[in-house]
Amino acid sequence: MNEFFSALKTDLMDRRLVPFVALVLVALLGAIGYVVVGGSSSSSTPATPAPSVSATTGLTGGLAISQSTPDKAVAETTDGAVAQRQGPSRNPFNVLPSVARAQAAAAAAAKAATAAAAKAAAKPTSSSGSSTSSGSGSSGTSGASTPTPTKTTTPSKPAKPQIVYHVAILFGITPAATTPPGTPLTPYANLKLLTPLPTAEQPLVVFRGVTAGGKSATFTLVGEAILHGNGTCLPSPSQCQAIDLRPAQTEQLEFIQGGQTVTYELQIVSITGAKASTAAVKSLMIHGESKSGREVLRRAGLLSIPYLSYSSQVGVLVFAARKAAAFARAHAAAGHRRSR
């Protein structure tokens, strides 16, 4: 037997048989590999196929994606289509356009609801008694509604009515000795501020207003005159630019007209005060002044009154503090008739 194997080994080692031996070895190795691979695959348990799912499954928030199937690719589409779209790849971390629009609409709706709730809360609500709310299949609950606190505004006090003074005078030429007795002077029941007397074409005096409290009426002298009466000269008896008269006082004024002396008489009948509304006061400030009288004073350079100025009341004059005492003394000393 040993000789047989020795002879076989010698034959195999012969150079002429080496290629055939190599071929046989390769075929043998291939057969062994095939047996090993085939055997392992046949002995393994066949894989259970994945359960079939629907092509499209809805996710939370309304986003639908296609599920994987053996012959179809996964496609993230908002409408649930299973076909893979062409084009460049998409960043999975970017929000889809449809989702972004839905989020923006939800934010706008929330903002509008918040604004409506704030507006409704700002409106005052009247307090009501216990209210009962009930629903189908549930018991109702009762409770008192809390009224919304409202800011109470104190009503503004009505404007205090101002006092407006009305001056009634008599003015005209003094009757001469030949004139029948009882010739009346011209009455002015409600003398308008800055009224020129007797006329705007022939002004002799101009009414300027009343002093505080309606104690007296003041008139500016436009022309040269000789005064007789119990009125008070302003600013002084030696420099008489205006005369101040109290009710029931009379002043006579002598003027030279056409080479003759003409005497006029000015008498204060009454000075009465009356309450006026704000609208009436504004109307007096606009329309309660004679434009022709202001023009007369402007041409004569007599718009200002010595030591006097207008107060906040319509047509009321006030004296300067340093001249108040002197004016009081002048009134006290003017109890006698004087002439210039």
C-alpha atoms as a PDB file:
ATOM      1  CA  MET A   1       0.000   0.000   0.000  1.00  0.00           C
ATOM      2  CA  ASN A   2       2.835   2.345   0.836  1.00  0.00           C
ATOM      3  CA  GLU A   3       4.295   1.701  -2.516  1.00  0.00           C
ATOM      4  CA  PHE A   4       0.999   2.660  -4.162  1.00  0.00           C
ATOM      5  CA  PHE A   5       0.862   6.006  -2.416  1.00  0.00           C
ATOM      6  CA  SER A   6       4.552   6.558  -3.096  1.00  0.00           C
ATOM      7  CA  ALA A   7       4.027   5.849  -6.766  1.00  0.00           C
ATOM      8  CA  LEU A   8       0.957   8.122  -6.803  1.00  0.00           C
ATOM      9  CA  LYS A   9       2.909  10.895  -5.128  1.00  0.00           C
ATOM     10  CA  THR A  10       5.684  10.505  -7.617  1.00  0.00           C
ATOM     11  CA  ASP A  11       3.239  10.708 -10.522  1.00  0.00           C
ATOM     12  CA  LEU A  12       1.539  13.766  -9.073  1.00  0.00           C
ATOM     13  CA  MET A  13       4.794  15.561  -8.508  1.00  0.00           C
ATOM     14  CA  ASP A  14       5.665  15.067 -12.072  1.00  0.00           C
ATOM     15  CA  ARG A  15       5.826  18.416 -13.876  1.00  0.00           C
ATOM     16  CA  ARG A  16       3.561  17.267 -16.646  1.00  0.00           C
ATOM     17  CA  LEU A  17       0.679  16.599 -14.232  1.00  0.00           C
ATOM     18  CA  VAL A  18       0.974  19.766 -12.091  1.00  0.00           C
ATOM     19  CA  PRO A  19      -1.565  21.839 -14.102  1.00  0.00           C
ATOM     20  CA  PHE A  20      -4.143  19.106 -13.928  1.00  0.00           C
ATOM     21  CA  VAL A  21      -3.656  18.753 -10.199  1.00  0.00           C
ATOM     22  CA  ALA A  22      -4.106  22.494  -9.691  1.00  0.00           C
ATOM     23  CA  LEU A  23      -7.291  22.493 -11.732  1.00  0.00           C
ATOM     24  CA  VAL A  24      -8.674  19.636  -9.684  1.00  0.00           C
ATOM     25  CA  LEU A  25      -7.881  21.496  -6.444  1.00  0.00           C
ATOM     26  CA  VAL A  26      -9.642  24.671  -7.643  1.00  0.00           C
ATOM     27  CA  ALA A  27     -12.707  22.681  -8.649  1.00  0.00           C
ATOM     28  CA  LEU A  28     -12.696  20.946  -5.295  1.00  0.00           C
ATOM     29  CA  LEU A  29     -12.486  24.242  -3.361  1.00  0.00           C
ATOM     30  CA  GLY A  30     -15.320  25.713  -5.447  1.00  0.00           C
ATOM     31  CA  ALA A  31     -17.504  22.712  -4.743  1.00  0.00           C
ATOM     32  CA  ILE A  32     -16.806  22.958  -1.013  1.00  0.00           C
ATOM     33  CA  GLY A  33     -17.657  26.715  -1.000  1.00  0.00           C
ATOM     34  CA  TYR A  34     -20.883  26.140  -2.853  1.00  0.00           C
ATOM     35  CA  VAL A  35     -21.937  23.450  -0.440  1.00  0.00           C
ATOM     36  CA  VAL A  36     -21.156  25.644   2.575  1.00  0.00           C
ATOM     37  CA  VAL A  37     -23.015  28.747   1.273  1.00  0.00           C
ATOM     38  CA  GLY A  38     -25.999  26.819  -0.043  1.00  0.00           C
ATOM     39  CA  GLY A  39     -26.351  24.905   3.149  1.00  0.00           C
ATOM     40  CA  SER A  40     -26.330  27.961   5.392  1.00  0.00           C
ATOM     41  CA  SER A  41     -28.953  29.734   3.252  1.00  0.00           C
ATOM     42  CA  SER A  42     -31.237  26.731   3.157  1.00  0.00           C
ATOM     43  CA  SER A  43     -30.958  26.131   6.889  1.00  0.00           C
ATOM     44  CA  SER A  44     -31.758  29.819   7.823  1.00  0.00           C
ATOM     45  CA  THR A  45     -35.375  30.759   8.678  1.00  0.00           C
ATOM     46  CA  PRO A  46     -37.027  32.824   5.953  1.00  0.00           C
ATOM     47  CA  ALA A  47     -37.572  36.509   6.971  1.00  0.00           C
ATOM     48  CA  THR A  48     -41.106  37.400   7.835  1.00  0.00           C
ATOM     49  CA  PRO A  49     -42.291  40.209   5.518  1.00  0.00           C
ATOM     50  CA  ALA A  50     -43.108  43.540   7.187  1.00  0.00           C
ATOM     51  CA  PRO A  51     -46.779  44.162   7.714  1.00  0.00           C
ATOM     52  CA  SER A  52     -48.301  46.210   4.997  1.00  0.00           C
ATOM     53  CA  VAL A  53     -49.172  49.746   5.995  1.00  0.00           C
ATOM     54  CA  SER A  54     -51.116  52.361   4.193  1.00  0.00           C
ATOM     55  CA  ALA A  55     -49.182  54.520   1.748  1.00  0.00           C
ATOM     56  CA  THR A  56     -49.908  57.644   3.751  1.00  0.00           C
ATOM     57  CA  THR A  57     -50.200  58.047   7.518  1.00  0.00           C
ATOM     58  CA  GLY A  58     -51.358  61.259   9.220  1.00  0.00           C
ATOM     59  CA  LEU A  59     -49.033  62.714  11.847  1.00  0.00           C
ATOM     60  CA  THR A  60     -49.681  65.151  14.642  1.00  0.00           C
ATOM     61  CA  GLY A  61     -50.144  68.678  13.361  1.00  0.00           C
ATOM     62  CA  GLY A  62     -51.649  67.613  10.039  1.00  0.00           C
ATOM     63  CA  LEU A  63     -48.315  66.612   8.386  1.00  0.00           C
ATOM     64  CA  ALA A  64     -48.659  63.472   6.236  1.00  0.00           C
ATOM     65  CA  ILE A  65     -45.641  61.467   4.991  1.00  0.00           C
ATOM     66  CA  SER A  66     -45.511  58.378   2.818  1.00  0.00           C
ATOM     67  CA  GLN A  67     -44.417  55.110   4.445  1.00  0.00           C
ATOM     68  CA  SER A  68     -41.717  52.858   2.977  1.00  0.00           C
ATOM     69  CA  THR A  69     -42.816  49.995   0.792  1.00  0.00           C
ATOM     70  CA  PRO A  70     -40.634  47.399  -0.940  1.00  0.00           C
ATOM     71  CA  ASP A  71     -40.924  49.090  -4.315  1.00  0.00           C
ATOM     72  CA  LYS A  72     -41.494  52.745  -3.415  1.00  0.00           C
ATOM     73  CA  ALA A  73     -39.197  55.378  -1.895  1.00  0.00           C
ATOM     74  CA  VAL A  74     -40.015  57.513   1.120  1.00  0.00           C
ATOM     75  CA  ALA A  75     -41.156  61.039   0.228  1.00  0.00           C
ATOM     76  CA  GLU A  76     -41.814  63.832   2.763  1.00  0.00           C
ATOM     77  CA  THR A  77     -44.688  65.733   1.170  1.00  0.00           C
ATOM     78  CA  THR A  78     -47.383  67.819   2.860  1.00  0.00           C
ATOM     79  CA  ASP A  79     -50.170  66.387   0.715  1.00  0.00           C
ATOM     80  CA  GLY A  80     -49.330  62.760   1.464  1.00  0.00           C
ATOM     81  CA  ALA A  81     -48.201  61.862  -2.078  1.00  0.00           C
ATOM     82  CA  VAL A  82     -45.964  58.791  -2.245  1.00  0.00           C
ATOM     83  CA  ALA A  83     -44.013  59.765  -5.352  1.00  0.00           C
ATOM     84  CA  GLN A  84     -40.478  60.984  -4.799  1.00  0.00           C
ATOM     85  CA  ARG A  85     -40.071  64.459  -6.297  1.00  0.00           C
ATOM     86  CA  GLN A  86     -37.116  65.359  -8.426  1.00  0.00           C
ATOM     87  CA  GLY A  87     -34.670  68.103  -7.619  1.00  0.00           C
ATOM     88  CA  PRO A  88     -32.022  68.893  -4.990  1.00  0.00           C
ATOM     89  CA  SER A  89     -32.216  67.326  -1.569  1.00  0.00           C
ATOM     90  CA  ARG A  90     -34.085  69.237   1.204  1.00  0.00           C
ATOM     91  CA  ASN A  91     -32.748  70.091   4.657  1.00  0.00           C
ATOM     92  CA  PRO A  92     -34.923  68.035   7.022  1.00  0.00           C
ATOM     93  CA  PHE A  93     -34.488  70.668   9.791  1.00  0.00           C
ATOM     94  CA  ASN A  94     -36.149  73.457   7.743  1.00  0.00           C
ATOM     95  CA  VAL A  95     -39.871  73.995   8.316  1.00  0.00           C
ATOM     96  CA  LEU A  96     -41.984  73.151   5.335  1.00  0.00           C
ATOM     97  CA  PRO A  97     -43.691  76.167   3.646  1.00  0.00           C
ATOM     98  CA  SER A  98     -47.200  74.875   4.372  1.00  0.00           C
ATOM     99  CA  VAL A  99     -46.336  74.336   8.036  1.00  0.00           C
ATOM    100  CA  ALA A 100     -44.863  77.853   8.247  1.00  0.00           C
ATOM    101  CA  ARG A 101     -48.055  79.333   6.782  1.00  0.00           C
ATOM    102  CA  ALA A 102     -50.185  77.369   9.222  1.00  0.00           C
ATOM    103  CA  GLN A 103     -48.064  78.561  12.157  1.00  0.00           C
ATOM    104  CA  ALA A 104     -48.310  82.217  10.993  1.00  0.00           C
ATOM    105  CA  ALA A 105     -52.103  81.944  10.649  1.00  0.00           C
ATOM    106  CA  ALA A 106     -52.362  80.416  14.132  1.00  0.00           C
ATOM    107  CA  ALA A 107     -50.203  83.221  15.614  1.00  0.00           C
ATOM    108  CA  ALA A 108     -52.345  85.906  13.929  1.00  0.00           C
ATOM    109  CA  ALA A 109     -55.544  84.297  15.208  1.00  0.00           C
ATOM    110  CA  ALA A 110     -54.125  84.135  18.745  1.00  0.00           C
ATOM    111  CA  LYS A 111     -53.083  87.788  18.582  1.00  0.00           C
ATOM    112  CA  ALA A 112     -56.552  88.861  17.381  1.00  0.00           C
ATOM    113  CA  ALA A 113     -58.198  86.839  20.143  1.00  0.00           C
ATOM    114  CA  THR A 114     -55.927  88.449  22.763  1.00  0.00           C
ATOM    115  CA  ALA A 115     -56.730  91.956  21.487  1.00  0.00           C
ATOM    116  CA  ALA A 116     -60.467  91.238  21.490  1.00  0.00           C
ATOM    117  CA  ALA A 117     -60.275  89.901  25.053  1.00  0.00           C
ATOM    118  CA  ALA A 118     -58.353  92.983  26.230  1.00  0.00           C
ATOM    119  CA  LYS A 119     -60.888  95.293  24.552  1.00  0.00           C
ATOM    120  CA  ALA A 120     -63.784  93.434  26.135  1.00  0.00           C
ATOM    121  CA  ALA A 121     -62.102  93.591  29.559  1.00  0.00           C
ATOM    122  CA  ALA A 122     -61.589  97.350  29.220  1.00  0.00           C
ATOM    123  CA  LYS A 123     -65.327  97.983  28.823  1.00  0.00           C
ATOM    124  CA  PRO A 124     -67.122  98.547  32.164  1.00  0.00           C
ATOM    125  CA  THR A 125     -69.535  95.800  33.036  1.00  0.00           C
ATOM    126  CA  SER A 126     -72.429  96.243  35.396  1.00  0.00           C
ATOM    127  CA  SER A 127     -72.486  94.001  38.444  1.00  0.00           C
ATOM    128  CA  SER A 128     -75.197  91.392  38.442  1.00  0.00           C
ATOM    129  CA  GLY A 129     -76.541  88.974  40.993  1.00  0.00           C
ATOM    130  CA  SER A 130     -75.764  85.303  41.169  1.00  0.00           C
ATOM    131  CA  SER A 131     -75.898  83.740  37.738  1.00  0.00           C
ATOM    132  CA  THR A 132     -76.523  80.075  37.057  1.00  0.00           C
ATOM    133  CA  SER A 133     -74.877  78.348  34.122  1.00  0.00           C
ATOM    134  CA  SER A 134     -75.972  74.849  33.184  1.00  0.00           C
ATOM    135  CA  GLY A 135     -75.151  72.439  30.359  1.00  0.00           C
ATOM    136  CA  SER A 136     -76.635  69.202  29.081  1.00  0.00           C
ATOM    137  CA  GLY A 137     -75.837  66.378  31.450  1.00  0.00           C
ATOM    138  CA  SER A 138     -74.056  68.628  34.018  1.00  0.00           C
ATOM    139  CA  SER A 139     -75.251  70.496  37.063  1.00  0.00           C
ATOM    140  CA  GLY A 140     -75.176  74.348  36.962  1.00  0.00           C
ATOM    141  CA  THR A 141     -73.076  76.522  39.286  1.00  0.00           C
ATOM    142  CA  SER A 142     -74.074  79.940  40.570  1.00  0.00           C
ATOM    143  CA  GLY A 143     -71.864  82.862  41.621  1.00  0.00           C
ATOM    144  CA  ALA A 144     -71.798  86.655  41.708  1.00  0.00           C
ATOM    145  CA  SER A 145     -69.983  88.332  38.817  1.00  0.00           C
ATOM    146  CA  THR A 146     -67.278  90.798  39.827  1.00  0.00           C
ATOM    147  CA  PRO A 147     -67.858  94.251  38.307  1.00  0.00           C
ATOM    148  CA  THR A 148     -64.967  95.818  36.460  1.00  0.00           C
ATOM    149  CA  PRO A 149     -63.755  98.885  38.382  1.00  0.00           C
ATOM    150  CA  THR A 150     -64.357 102.054  36.410  1.00  0.00           C
ATOM    151  CA  LYS A 151     -62.507 105.304  36.844  1.00  0.00           C
ATOM    152  CA  THR A 152     -64.877 107.974  38.076  1.00  0.00           C
ATOM    153  CA  THR A 153     -64.191 111.444  36.796  1.00  0.00           C
ATOM    154  CA  THR A 154     -65.242 114.433  38.816  1.00  0.00           C
ATOM    155  CA  PRO A 155     -67.454 116.664  36.681  1.00  0.00           C
ATOM    156  CA  SER A 156     -65.831 119.989  36.041  1.00  0.00           C
ATOM    157  CA  LYS A 157     -67.431 122.909  37.760  1.00  0.00           C
ATOM    158  CA  PRO A 158     -69.298 125.268  35.461  1.00  0.00           C
ATOM    159  CA  ALA A 159     -67.548 128.524  34.761  1.00  0.00           C
ATOM    160  CA  LYS A 160     -68.504 131.216  37.203  1.00  0.00           C
ATOM    161  CA  PRO A 161     -70.583 133.865  35.454  1.00  0.00           C
ATOM    162  CA  GLN A 162     -68.934 137.264  35.134  1.00  0.00           C
ATOM    163  CA  ILE A 163     -70.465 140.552  36.069  1.00  0.00           C
ATOM    164  CA  VAL A 164     -71.128 142.894  33.174  1.00  0.00           C
ATOM    165  CA  TYR A 165     -71.943 146.530  33.930  1.00  0.00           C
ATOM    166  CA  HIS A 166     -74.524 148.604  32.074  1.00  0.00           C
ATOM    167  CA  VAL A 167     -74.233 152.383  32.183  1.00  0.00           C
ATOM    168  CA  ALA A 168     -77.180 154.695  31.561  1.00  0.00           C
ATOM    169  CA  ILE A 169     -76.462 158.417  31.004  1.00  0.00           C
ATOM    170  CA  LEU A 170     -78.004 161.653  29.772  1.00  0.00           C
ATOM    171  CA  PHE A 171     -75.934 163.802  27.452  1.00  0.00           C
ATOM    172  CA  GLY A 172     -76.677 166.836  25.347  1.00  0.00           C
ATOM    173  CA  ILE A 173     -76.561 170.605  25.013  1.00  0.00           C
ATOM    174  CA  THR A 174     -77.653 172.457  28.107  1.00  0.00           C
ATOM    175  CA  PRO A 175     -80.894 174.335  27.380  1.00  0.00           C
ATOM    176  CA  ALA A 176     -80.382 178.081  27.072  1.00  0.00           C
ATOM    177  CA  ALA A 177     -82.464 180.642  28.909  1.00  0.00           C
ATOM    178  CA  THR A 178     -84.604 181.164  25.816  1.00  0.00           C
ATOM    179  CA  THR A 179     -85.249 177.440  25.402  1.00  0.00           C
ATOM    180  CA  PRO A 180     -88.557 176.230  26.755  1.00  0.00           C
ATOM    181  CA  PRO A 181     -88.139 174.612  30.145  1.00  0.00           C
ATOM    182  CA  GLY A 182     -88.120 170.814  30.352  1.00  0.00           C
ATOM    183  CA  THR A 183     -86.121 170.261  27.162  1.00  0.00           C
ATOM    184  CA  PRO A 184     -84.738 166.748  27.717  1.00  0.00           C
ATOM    185  CA  LEU A 185     -81.156 165.556  27.223  1.00  0.00           C
ATOM    186  CA  THR A 186     -80.461 162.572  24.965  1.00  0.00           C
ATOM    187  CA  PRO A 187     -80.689 159.319  26.970  1.00  0.00           C
ATOM    188  CA  TYR A 188     -78.284 156.399  26.458  1.00  0.00           C
ATOM    189  CA  ALA A 189     -79.767 153.378  28.240  1.00  0.00           C
ATOM    190  CA  ASN A 190     -76.878 150.938  27.626  1.00  0.00           C
ATOM    191  CA  LEU A 191     -73.791 152.890  26.673  1.00  0.00           C
ATOM    192  CA  LYS A 192     -71.443 150.932  24.452  1.00  0.00           C
ATOM    193  CA  LEU A 193     -67.756 150.865  25.297  1.00  0.00           C
ATOM    194  CA  LEU A 194     -65.691 153.565  23.516  1.00  0.00           C
ATOM    195  CA  THR A 195     -68.825 155.378  22.324  1.00  0.00           C
ATOM    196  CA  PRO A 196     -67.934 158.888  21.079  1.00  0.00           C
ATOM    197  CA  LEU A 197     -70.293 161.661  22.281  1.00  0.00           C
ATOM    198  CA  PRO A 198     -72.200 163.375  20.869  1.00  0.00           C
ATOM    199  CA  THR A 199     -71.209 161.831  17.478  1.00  0.00           C
ATOM    200  CA  ALA A 200     -68.189 160.238  15.811  1.00  0.00           C
ATOM    201  CA  GLU A 201     -67.998 163.258  13.420  1.00  0.00           C
ATOM    202  CA  GLN A 202     -67.927 165.708  16.342  1.00  0.00           C
ATOM    203  CA  PRO A 203     -66.456 163.804  19.306  1.00  0.00           C
ATOM    204  CA  LEU A 204     -66.133 165.672  22.587  1.00  0.00           C
ATOM    205  CA  VAL A 205     -65.851 162.776  25.069  1.00  0.00           C
ATOM    206  CA  VAL A 206     -65.446 159.017  24.717  1.00  0.00           C
ATOM    207  CA  PHE A 207     -66.825 156.491  27.214  1.00  0.00           C
ATOM    208  CA  ARG A 208     -63.970 154.264  28.502  1.00  0.00           C
ATOM    209  CA  GLY A 209     -65.631 151.979  31.050  1.00  0.00           C
ATOM    210  CA  VAL A 210     -66.383 151.678  34.762  1.00  0.00           C
ATOM    211  CA  THR A 211     -64.126 151.337  37.772  1.00  0.00           C
ATOM    212  CA  ALA A 212     -63.990 148.187  39.905  1.00  0.00           C
ATOM    213  CA  GLY A 213     -67.325 147.316  41.435  1.00  0.00           C
ATOM    214  CA  GLY A 214     -69.181 149.668  39.092  1.00  0.00           C
ATOM    215  CA  LYS A 215     -68.627 152.609  41.441  1.00  0.00           C
ATOM    216  CA  SER A 216     -68.061 155.217  38.714  1.00  0.00           C
ATOM    217  CA  ALA A 217     -67.851 155.746  34.957  1.00  0.00           C
ATOM    218  CA  THR A 218     -64.828 157.207  33.172  1.00  0.00           C
ATOM    219  CA  PHE A 219     -64.813 159.418  30.037  1.00  0.00           C
ATOM    220  CA  THR A 220     -61.825 160.652  28.049  1.00  0.00           C
ATOM    221  CA  LEU A 221     -61.834 164.315  26.958  1.00  0.00           C
ATOM    222  CA  VAL A 222     -61.108 164.618  23.238  1.00  0.00           C
ATOM    223  CA  GLY A 223     -61.113 168.419  22.849  1.00  0.00           C
ATOM    224  CA  GLU A 224     -60.334 171.415  25.032  1.00  0.00           C
ATOM    225  CA  ALA A 225     -63.151 172.101  27.458  1.00  0.00           C
ATOM    226  CA  ILE A 226     -63.991 174.100  30.564  1.00  0.00           C
ATOM    227  CA  LEU A 227     -65.447 171.798  33.201  1.00  0.00           C
ATOM    228  CA  HIS A 228     -68.047 172.583  35.854  1.00  0.00           C
ATOM    229  CA  GLY A 229     -69.427 169.911  38.137  1.00  0.00           C
ATOM    230  CA  ASN A 230     -68.687 167.419  40.889  1.00  0.00           C
ATOM    231  CA  GLY A 231     -66.752 164.866  38.819  1.00  0.00           C
ATOM    232  CA  THR A 232     -63.077 163.952  39.364  1.00  0.00           C
ATOM    233  CA  CYS A 233     -60.319 164.899  36.919  1.00  0.00           C
ATOM    234  CA  LEU A 234     -57.664 162.331  35.995  1.00  0.00           C
ATOM    235  CA  PRO A 235     -54.768 162.242  36.500  1.00  0.00           C
ATOM    236  CA  SER A 236     -55.075 165.538  38.415  1.00  0.00           C
ATOM    237  CA  PRO A 237     -57.230 168.708  38.464  1.00  0.00           C
ATOM    238  CA  SER A 238     -54.461 170.641  36.720  1.00  0.00           C
ATOM    239  CA  GLN A 239     -54.018 167.982  34.005  1.00  0.00           C
ATOM    240  CA  CYS A 240     -57.545 166.821  33.277  1.00  0.00           C
ATOM    241  CA  GLN A 241     -57.425 164.179  30.528  1.00  0.00           C
ATOM    242  CA  ALA A 242     -60.415 162.187  31.761  1.00  0.00           C
ATOM    243  CA  ILE A 243     -63.351 162.712  34.089  1.00  0.00           C
ATOM    244  CA  ASP A 244     -64.778 160.162  36.503  1.00  0.00           C
ATOM    245  CA  LEU A 245     -68.431 160.405  37.576  1.00  0.00           C
ATOM    246  CA  ARG A 246     -70.514 158.421  40.034  1.00  0.00           C
ATOM    247  CA  PRO A 247     -74.265 157.771  39.693  1.00  0.00           C
ATOM    248  CA  ALA A 248     -76.385 160.918  40.119  1.00  0.00           C
ATOM    249  CA  GLN A 249     -73.350 163.152  39.519  1.00  0.00           C
ATOM    250  CA  THR A 250     -73.388 165.747  36.727  1.00  0.00           C
ATOM    251  CA  GLU A 251     -70.614 167.492  34.813  1.00  0.00           C
ATOM    252  CA  GLN A 252     -70.966 170.472  32.452  1.00  0.00           C
ATOM    253  CA  LEU A 253     -68.483 170.914  29.633  1.00  0.00           C
ATOM    254  CA  GLU A 254     -68.026 174.222  27.739  1.00  0.00           C
ATOM    255  CA  PHE A 255     -66.668 173.876  24.208  1.00  0.00           C
ATOM    256  CA  ILE A 256     -65.873 176.562  21.610  1.00  0.00           C
ATOM    257  CA  GLN A 257     -67.772 175.740  18.414  1.00  0.00           C
ATOM    258  CA  GLY A 258     -67.940 178.150  15.486  1.00  0.00           C
ATOM    259  CA  GLY A 259     -66.701 181.019  17.628  1.00  0.00           C
ATOM    260  CA  GLN A 260     -69.437 180.484  20.178  1.00  0.00           C
ATOM    261  CA  THR A 261     -69.413 178.763  23.542  1.00  0.00           C
ATOM    262  CA  VAL A 262     -71.626 175.692  23.708  1.00  0.00           C
ATOM    263  CA  THR A 263     -72.253 173.961  27.027  1.00  0.00           C
ATOM    264  CA  TYR A 264     -72.918 170.228  27.181  1.00  0.00           C
ATOM    265  CA  GLU A 265     -74.158 168.361  30.198  1.00  0.00           C
ATOM    266  CA  LEU A 266     -73.175 164.793  31.153  1.00  0.00           C
ATOM    267  CA  GLN A 267     -75.207 163.057  33.840  1.00  0.00           C
ATOM    268  CA  ILE A 268     -74.782 159.491  35.148  1.00  0.00           C
ATOM    269  CA  VAL A 269     -78.240 157.998  35.629  1.00  0.00           C
ATOM    270  CA  SER A 270     -77.236 154.504  36.849  1.00  0.00           C
ATOM    271  CA  ILE A 271     -74.520 151.826  36.812  1.00  0.00           C
ATOM    272  CA  THR A 272     -75.960 148.332  37.201  1.00  0.00           C
ATOM    273  CA  GLY A 273     -74.210 144.972  37.183  1.00  0.00           C
ATOM    274  CA  ALA A 274     -75.669 141.769  35.782  1.00  0.00           C
ATOM    275  CA  LYS A 275     -74.384 138.217  35.511  1.00  0.00           C
ATOM    276  CA  ALA A 276     -73.467 137.120  32.003  1.00  0.00           C
ATOM    277  CA  SER A 277     -72.620 133.706  30.600  1.00  0.00           C
ATOM    278  CA  THR A 278     -69.283 132.920  29.045  1.00  0.00           C
ATOM    279  CA  ALA A 279     -70.791 133.142  25.568  1.00  0.00           C
ATOM    280  CA  ALA A 280     -72.258 136.582  26.319  1.00  0.00           C
ATOM    281  CA  VAL A 281     -68.907 137.811  27.641  1.00  0.00           C
ATOM    282  CA  LYS A 282     -67.116 136.590  24.519  1.00  0.00           C
ATOM    283  CA  SER A 283     -69.705 138.324  22.367  1.00  0.00           C
ATOM    284  CA  LEU A 284     -69.127 141.573  24.278  1.00  0.00           C
ATOM    285  CA  MET A 285     -65.373 141.249  23.843  1.00  0.00           C
ATOM    286  CA  ILE A 286     -65.835 140.951  20.073  1.00  0.00           C
ATOM    287  CA  HIS A 287     -68.835 143.185  19.365  1.00  0.00           C
ATOM    288  CA  GLY A 288     -69.209 145.285  22.523  1.00  0.00           C
ATOM    289  CA  GLU A 289     -66.838 148.059  21.480  1.00  0.00           C
ATOM    290  CA  SER A 290     -67.343 151.010  19.159  1.00  0.00           C
ATOM    291  CA  LYS A 291     -64.874 150.899  16.277  1.00  0.00           C
ATOM    292  CA  SER A 292     -65.445 154.543  15.422  1.00  0.00           C
ATOM    293  CA  GLY A 293     -64.655 155.572  19.017  1.00  0.00           C
ATOM    294  CA  ARG A 294     -61.391 153.586  18.966  1.00  0.00           C
ATOM    295  CA  GLU A 295     -60.443 155.293  15.722  1.00  0.00           C
ATOM    296  CA  VAL A 296     -61.157 158.707  17.308  1.00  0.00           C
ATOM    297  CA  LEU A 297     -58.886 157.880  20.250  1.00  0.00           C
ATOM    298  CA  ARG A 298     -56.174 156.524  17.947  1.00  0.00           C
ATOM    299  CA  ARG A 299     -56.096 159.700  15.852  1.00  0.00           C
ATOM    300  CA  ALA A 300     -55.968 161.842  18.986  1.00  0.00           C
ATOM    301  CA  GLY A 301     -53.300 159.703  20.634  1.00  0.00           C
ATOM    302  CA  LEU A 302     -55.547 159.002  23.641  1.00  0.00           C
ATOM    303  CA  LEU A 303     -55.838 155.219  23.580  1.00  0.00           C
ATOM    304  CA  SER A 304     -54.142 154.885  26.970  1.00  0.00           C
ATOM    305  CA  ILE A 305     -55.643 156.297  30.171  1.00  0.00           C
ATOM    306  CA  PRO A 306     -53.352 157.816  32.816  1.00  0.00           C
ATOM    307  CA  TYR A 307     -52.817 155.359  35.696  1.00  0.00           C
ATOM    308  CA  LEU A 308     -55.650 153.143  34.495  1.00  0.00           C
ATOM    309  CA  SER A 309     -55.788 149.812  32.663  1.00  0.00           C
ATOM    310  CA  TYR A 310     -58.427 147.232  31.822  1.00  0.00           C
ATOM    311  CA  SER A 311     -58.887 144.223  34.085  1.00  0.00           C
ATOM    312  CA  SER A 312     -59.985 140.711  33.145  1.00  0.00           C
ATOM    313  CA  GLN A 313     -63.619 141.839  33.348  1.00  0.00           C
ATOM    314  CA  VAL A 314     -65.074 143.370  30.229  1.00  0.00           C
ATOM    315  CA  GLY A 315     -65.111 147.187  30.417  1.00  0.00           C
ATOM    316  CA  VAL A 316     -63.751 147.371  33.994  1.00  0.00           C
ATOM    317  CA  LEU A 317     -60.850 149.725  34.732  1.00  0.00           C
ATOM    318  CA  VAL A 318     -58.384 149.330  37.593  1.00  0.00           C
ATOM    319  CA  PHE A 319     -55.985 151.898  39.025  1.00  0.00           C
ATOM    320  CA  ALA A 320     -52.295 151.395  39.606  1.00  0.00           C
ATOM    321  CA  ALA A 321     -51.482 150.493  43.216  1.00  0.00           C
ATOM    322  CA  ARG A 322     -49.302 153.545  43.760  1.00  0.00           C
ATOM    323  CA  LYS A 323     -52.091 155.842  42.546  1.00  0.00           C
ATOM    324  CA  ALA A 324     -55.004 154.236  44.379  1.00  0.00           C
ATOM    325  CA  ALA A 325     -54.573 156.361  47.541  1.00  0.00           C
ATOM    326  CA  ALA A 326     -54.155 159.584  45.532  1.00  0.00           C
ATOM    327  CA  PHE A 327     -57.275 158.798  43.531  1.00  0.00           C
ATOM    328  CA  ALA A 328     -59.269 158.204  46.727  1.00  0.00           C
ATOM    329  CA  ARG A 329     -58.159 161.558  48.101  1.00  0.00           C
ATOM    330  CA  ALA A 330     -59.093 163.236  44.801  1.00  0.00           C
ATOM    331  CA  HIS A 331     -62.599 161.783  45.024  1.00  0.00           C
ATOM    332  CA  ALA A 332     -62.988 162.980  48.612  1.00  0.00           C
ATOM    333  CA  ALA A 333     -61.832 166.480  47.720  1.00  0.00           C
ATOM    334  CA  ALA A 334     -64.152 166.739  44.712  1.00  0.00           C
ATOM    335  CA  GLY A 335     -67.283 167.523  46.741  1.00  0.00           C
ATOM    336  CA  HIS A 336     -67.490 171.112  45.626  1.00  0.00           C
ATOM    337  CA  ARG A 337     -68.046 172.690  42.235  1.00  0.00           C
ATOM    338  CA  ARG A 338     -64.903 173.715  40.458  1.00  0.00           C
ATOM    339  CA  SER A 339     -64.093 175.604  37.288  1.00  0.00           C
ATOM    340  CA  ARG A 340     -61.150 175.934  34.998  1.00  0.00           C
END
